[in-house]
Amino acid sequence: MALVLKEVLFIYTLTVSLWIARVAQGWISWVLPSPGRLRCQSSWQ
């Protein structure tokens, strides 16, 4: 029973860490280009 619980906990932790990594990657890719976009817009004017 403990082995099953440990396996479920491992899969849960793995899923959560993958989800956090995906969210962080999406957030970083959204935040990082925005200063470049702002700089491009200001240089166009």
C-alpha atoms as a PDB file:
ATOM      1  CA  MET A   1       0.000   0.000   0.000  1.00  0.00           C
ATOM      2  CA  ALA A   2       2.819   2.382   0.897  1.00  0.00           C
ATOM      3  CA  LEU A   3       4.543   1.562  -2.413  1.00  0.00           C
ATOM      4  CA  VAL A   4       1.411   2.513  -4.365  1.00  0.00           C
ATOM      5  CA  LEU A   5       1.098   5.748  -2.385  1.00  0.00           C
ATOM      6  CA  LYS A   6       4.763   6.572  -3.050  1.00  0.00           C
ATOM      7  CA  GLU A   7       4.283   5.896  -6.769  1.00  0.00           C
ATOM      8  CA  VAL A   8       1.171   8.097  -6.936  1.00  0.00           C
ATOM      9  CA  LEU A   9       2.989  10.850  -5.043  1.00  0.00           C
ATOM     10  CA  PHE A  10       5.951  10.572  -7.449  1.00  0.00           C
ATOM     11  CA  ILE A  11       3.699  10.829 -10.532  1.00  0.00           C
ATOM     12  CA  TYR A  12       1.835  13.753  -8.949  1.00  0.00           C
ATOM     13  CA  THR A  13       5.090  15.581  -8.161  1.00  0.00           C
ATOM     14  CA  LEU A  14       6.394  14.932 -11.677  1.00  0.00           C
ATOM     15  CA  THR A  15       3.174  16.243 -13.259  1.00  0.00           C
ATOM     16  CA  VAL A  16       3.138  19.344 -11.056  1.00  0.00           C
ATOM     17  CA  SER A  17       6.815  20.104 -11.748  1.00  0.00           C
ATOM     18  CA  LEU A  18       6.271  19.708 -15.507  1.00  0.00           C
ATOM     19  CA  TRP A  19       3.233  22.001 -15.332  1.00  0.00           C
ATOM     20  CA  ILE A  20       5.180  24.609 -13.326  1.00  0.00           C
ATOM     21  CA  ALA A  21       8.057  24.406 -15.822  1.00  0.00           C
ATOM     22  CA  ARG A  22       5.637  24.900 -18.734  1.00  0.00           C
ATOM     23  CA  VAL A  23       3.907  27.850 -17.046  1.00  0.00           C
ATOM     24  CA  ALA A  24       7.263  29.427 -16.117  1.00  0.00           C
ATOM     25  CA  GLN A  25       8.555  28.967 -19.676  1.00  0.00           C
ATOM     26  CA  GLY A  26       5.411  30.557 -21.109  1.00  0.00           C
ATOM     27  CA  TRP A  27       5.590  33.417 -18.598  1.00  0.00           C
ATOM     28  CA  ILE A  28       9.297  34.043 -19.306  1.00  0.00           C
ATOM     29  CA  SER A  29       8.751  33.986 -23.084  1.00  0.00           C
ATOM     30  CA  TRP A  30       5.848  36.431 -22.626  1.00  0.00           C
ATOM     31  CA  VAL A  31       7.754  38.791 -20.285  1.00  0.00           C
ATOM     32  CA  LEU A  32      11.157  38.813 -22.024  1.00  0.00           C
ATOM     33  CA  PRO A  33      10.132  39.909 -25.554  1.00  0.00           C
ATOM     34  CA  SER A  34       7.840  42.705 -24.280  1.00  0.00           C
ATOM     35  CA  PRO A  35      10.687  45.242 -23.636  1.00  0.00           C
ATOM     36  CA  GLY A  36      11.981  44.466 -27.151  1.00  0.00           C
ATOM     37  CA  ARG A  37       8.494  45.040 -28.555  1.00  0.00           C
ATOM     38  CA  LEU A  38       8.199  48.319 -26.658  1.00  0.00           C
ATOM     39  CA  ARG A  39      11.641  49.375 -27.913  1.00  0.00           C
ATOM     40  CA  CYS A  40      10.655  48.551 -31.511  1.00  0.00           C
ATOM     41  CA  GLN A  41       7.414  50.525 -31.179  1.00  0.00           C
ATOM     42  CA  SER A  42       9.211  53.542 -29.690  1.00  0.00           C
ATOM     43  CA  SER A  43      11.880  53.433 -32.418  1.00  0.00           C
ATOM     44  CA  TRP A  44       9.186  53.386 -35.142  1.00  0.00           C
ATOM     45  CA  GLN A  45       7.672  56.625 -33.894  1.00  0.00           C
END
